[in-house]
């Protein structure tokens, strides 16, 4: 089910804020795409059980980036959700909830 559309004034304010802080958005996007700066080989320091949930149809950040996240974090589990895009948590909420519940149940058993 698609989320309800935003009221016009909310959408206008969001666009205005994005334009004001365009440099932040561009820097974050470049970092995510290039895999430089934000993670710089530090993922292996993560020492907690980690679930990486990624939408297979993500057209903003490819699923390969999610696979790199999971590969870089010791013991991480990757779930690639079919039919989900960049906002997989919202687009496929039931699948996400089930994945998290299953992950937590296994994590509690350790």
C-alpha atoms as a PDB file:
ATOM      1  CA  UNK A   1       0.000   0.000   0.000  1.00  0.00           C
ATOM      2  CA  UNK A   2       1.405   3.376  -1.038  1.00  0.00           C
ATOM      3  CA  UNK A   3       1.837   6.005   1.667  1.00  0.00           C
ATOM      4  CA  UNK A   4      -0.569   8.943   1.673  1.00  0.00           C
ATOM      5  CA  UNK A   5       0.659  11.891  -0.408  1.00  0.00           C
ATOM      6  CA  UNK A   6       2.272  14.747   1.479  1.00  0.00           C
ATOM      7  CA  UNK A   7       0.369  18.027   1.740  1.00  0.00           C
ATOM      8  CA  UNK A   8       1.753  20.610  -0.713  1.00  0.00           C
ATOM      9  CA  UNK A   9       3.184  22.838   2.033  1.00  0.00           C
ATOM     10  CA  UNK A  10       5.160  19.917   3.489  1.00  0.00           C
ATOM     11  CA  UNK A  11       6.562  18.959   0.097  1.00  0.00           C
ATOM     12  CA  UNK A  12       7.524  22.609  -0.626  1.00  0.00           C
ATOM     13  CA  UNK A  13       9.256  22.915   2.752  1.00  0.00           C
ATOM     14  CA  UNK A  14      11.142  19.637   2.200  1.00  0.00           C
ATOM     15  CA  UNK A  15      12.354  20.817  -1.219  1.00  0.00           C
ATOM     16  CA  UNK A  16      13.379  24.184   0.227  1.00  0.00           C
ATOM     17  CA  UNK A  17      15.377  22.508   2.989  1.00  0.00           C
ATOM     18  CA  UNK A  18      17.051  20.131   0.537  1.00  0.00           C
ATOM     19  CA  UNK A  19      18.099  23.064  -1.632  1.00  0.00           C
ATOM     20  CA  UNK A  20      19.470  24.981   1.363  1.00  0.00           C
ATOM     21  CA  UNK A  21      21.556  21.979   2.401  1.00  0.00           C
ATOM     22  CA  UNK A  22      22.319  20.636  -1.055  1.00  0.00           C
ATOM     23  CA  UNK A  23      26.015  20.246  -0.248  1.00  0.00           C
ATOM     24  CA  UNK A  24      25.192  17.808   2.561  1.00  0.00           C
ATOM     25  CA  UNK A  25      23.022  15.663   0.307  1.00  0.00           C
ATOM     26  CA  UNK A  26      25.611  15.679  -2.482  1.00  0.00           C
ATOM     27  CA  UNK A  27      28.459  14.789  -0.129  1.00  0.00           C
ATOM     28  CA  UNK A  28      26.488  11.936   1.424  1.00  0.00           C
ATOM     29  CA  UNK A  29      25.489  10.614  -1.999  1.00  0.00           C
ATOM     30  CA  UNK A  30      29.066  10.766  -3.290  1.00  0.00           C
ATOM     31  CA  UNK A  31      30.295   8.959  -0.192  1.00  0.00           C
ATOM     32  CA  UNK A  32      27.695   6.204  -0.537  1.00  0.00           C
ATOM     33  CA  UNK A  33      28.340   5.731  -4.238  1.00  0.00           C
ATOM     34  CA  UNK A  34      32.133   5.840  -4.027  1.00  0.00           C
ATOM     35  CA  UNK A  35      32.310   3.946  -0.725  1.00  0.00           C
ATOM     36  CA  UNK A  36      34.925   6.423   0.462  1.00  0.00           C
ATOM     37  CA  UNK A  37      35.032   8.539   3.600  1.00  0.00           C
ATOM     38  CA  UNK A  38      31.944   7.385   5.469  1.00  0.00           C
ATOM     39  CA  UNK A  39      33.131   3.855   6.160  1.00  0.00           C
ATOM     40  CA  UNK A  40      36.857   3.907   5.362  1.00  0.00           C
ATOM     41  CA  UNK A  41      37.458   0.322   6.403  1.00  0.00           C
ATOM     42  CA  UNK A  42      35.733   0.677   9.770  1.00  0.00           C
ATOM     43  CA  UNK A  43      32.878  -1.746   9.285  1.00  0.00           C
ATOM     44  CA  UNK A  44      34.949  -4.596  10.693  1.00  0.00           C
ATOM     45  CA  UNK A  45      34.870  -2.810  14.050  1.00  0.00           C
ATOM     46  CA  UNK A  46      31.145  -3.472  14.448  1.00  0.00           C
ATOM     47  CA  UNK A  47      30.827  -6.044  17.220  1.00  0.00           C
ATOM     48  CA  UNK A  48      27.079  -6.473  17.563  1.00  0.00           C
ATOM     49  CA  UNK A  49      24.728  -8.734  15.619  1.00  0.00           C
ATOM     50  CA  UNK A  50      23.801  -6.847  12.461  1.00  0.00           C
ATOM     51  CA  UNK A  51      20.987  -7.276   9.960  1.00  0.00           C
ATOM     52  CA  UNK A  52      21.346  -5.482   6.630  1.00  0.00           C
ATOM     53  CA  UNK A  53      17.947  -5.227   4.904  1.00  0.00           C
ATOM     54  CA  UNK A  54      18.093  -3.971   1.320  1.00  0.00           C
ATOM     55  CA  UNK A  55      15.558  -3.544  -1.460  1.00  0.00           C
ATOM     56  CA  UNK A  56      16.490  -5.416  -4.632  1.00  0.00           C
ATOM     57  CA  UNK A  57      14.895  -2.677  -6.743  1.00  0.00           C
ATOM     58  CA  UNK A  58      16.722   0.187  -4.992  1.00  0.00           C
ATOM     59  CA  UNK A  59      17.522   2.600  -7.822  1.00  0.00           C
ATOM     60  CA  UNK A  60      19.354   5.061  -5.561  1.00  0.00           C
ATOM     61  CA  UNK A  61      21.922   2.844  -3.848  1.00  0.00           C
ATOM     62  CA  UNK A  62      22.481  -0.499  -5.575  1.00  0.00           C
ATOM     63  CA  UNK A  63      22.049  -3.770  -3.733  1.00  0.00           C
ATOM     64  CA  UNK A  64      25.782  -4.388  -4.201  1.00  0.00           C
ATOM     65  CA  UNK A  65      26.418  -1.666  -1.611  1.00  0.00           C
ATOM     66  CA  UNK A  66      24.254  -3.542   0.890  1.00  0.00           C
ATOM     67  CA  UNK A  67      26.213  -6.693   0.123  1.00  0.00           C
ATOM     68  CA  UNK A  68      29.441  -4.786   0.799  1.00  0.00           C
ATOM     69  CA  UNK A  69      28.035  -3.585   4.120  1.00  0.00           C
ATOM     70  CA  UNK A  70      27.195  -7.123   5.157  1.00  0.00           C
ATOM     71  CA  UNK A  71      30.525  -8.495   3.935  1.00  0.00           C
ATOM     72  CA  UNK A  72      32.396  -5.832   5.901  1.00  0.00           C
ATOM     73  CA  UNK A  73      30.650  -6.479   9.223  1.00  0.00           C
ATOM     74  CA  UNK A  74      31.703  -9.703  10.952  1.00  0.00           C
ATOM     75  CA  UNK A  75      28.762 -12.110  11.150  1.00  0.00           C
ATOM     76  CA  UNK A  76      26.287  -9.708   9.523  1.00  0.00           C
ATOM     77  CA  UNK A  77      23.234 -11.130   7.795  1.00  0.00           C
ATOM     78  CA  UNK A  78      22.022  -9.667   4.505  1.00  0.00           C
ATOM     79  CA  UNK A  79      18.420  -9.900   3.386  1.00  0.00           C
ATOM     80  CA  UNK A  80      17.633  -8.614  -0.095  1.00  0.00           C
ATOM     81  CA  UNK A  81      13.911  -7.945  -0.358  1.00  0.00           C
ATOM     82  CA  UNK A  82      12.300  -8.531  -3.744  1.00  0.00           C
ATOM     83  CA  UNK A  83       9.804  -5.929  -4.867  1.00  0.00           C
ATOM     84  CA  UNK A  84      11.269  -3.249  -2.590  1.00  0.00           C
ATOM     85  CA  UNK A  85      13.147  -0.117  -3.549  1.00  0.00           C
ATOM     86  CA  UNK A  86      15.217   2.410  -1.630  1.00  0.00           C
ATOM     87  CA  UNK A  87      12.693   2.701   1.197  1.00  0.00           C
ATOM     88  CA  UNK A  88      12.430  -1.040   1.721  1.00  0.00           C
ATOM     89  CA  UNK A  89      11.494  -0.648   5.373  1.00  0.00           C
ATOM     90  CA  UNK A  90       8.401   1.333   4.377  1.00  0.00           C
ATOM     91  CA  UNK A  91       7.667  -0.306   1.032  1.00  0.00           C
ATOM     92  CA  UNK A  92       7.822  -3.848   2.379  1.00  0.00           C
ATOM     93  CA  UNK A  93       6.979  -3.262   6.020  1.00  0.00           C
ATOM     94  CA  UNK A  94       5.538  -6.706   6.742  1.00  0.00           C
ATOM     95  CA  UNK A  95       8.572  -8.459   5.257  1.00  0.00           C
ATOM     96  CA  UNK A  96      10.906  -6.156   7.138  1.00  0.00           C
ATOM     97  CA  UNK A  97       9.121  -6.748  10.434  1.00  0.00           C
ATOM     98  CA  UNK A  98       9.224 -10.510   9.928  1.00  0.00           C
ATOM     99  CA  UNK A  99      12.941 -10.372   9.048  1.00  0.00           C
ATOM    100  CA  UNK A 100      13.754  -8.324  12.139  1.00  0.00           C
ATOM    101  CA  UNK A 101      11.698 -10.564  14.433  1.00  0.00           C
ATOM    102  CA  UNK A 102      13.416 -13.656  13.033  1.00  0.00           C
ATOM    103  CA  UNK A 103      16.840 -12.038  13.339  1.00  0.00           C
ATOM    104  CA  UNK A 104      16.204 -10.968  16.930  1.00  0.00           C
ATOM    105  CA  UNK A 105      14.887 -14.421  17.879  1.00  0.00           C
ATOM    106  CA  UNK A 106      18.104 -16.003  16.590  1.00  0.00           C
ATOM    107  CA  UNK A 107      20.213 -13.299  18.240  1.00  0.00           C
ATOM    108  CA  UNK A 108      18.521 -13.914  21.615  1.00  0.00           C
ATOM    109  CA  UNK A 109      19.299 -17.620  21.337  1.00  0.00           C
ATOM    110  CA  UNK A 110      23.056 -17.003  21.141  1.00  0.00           C
END
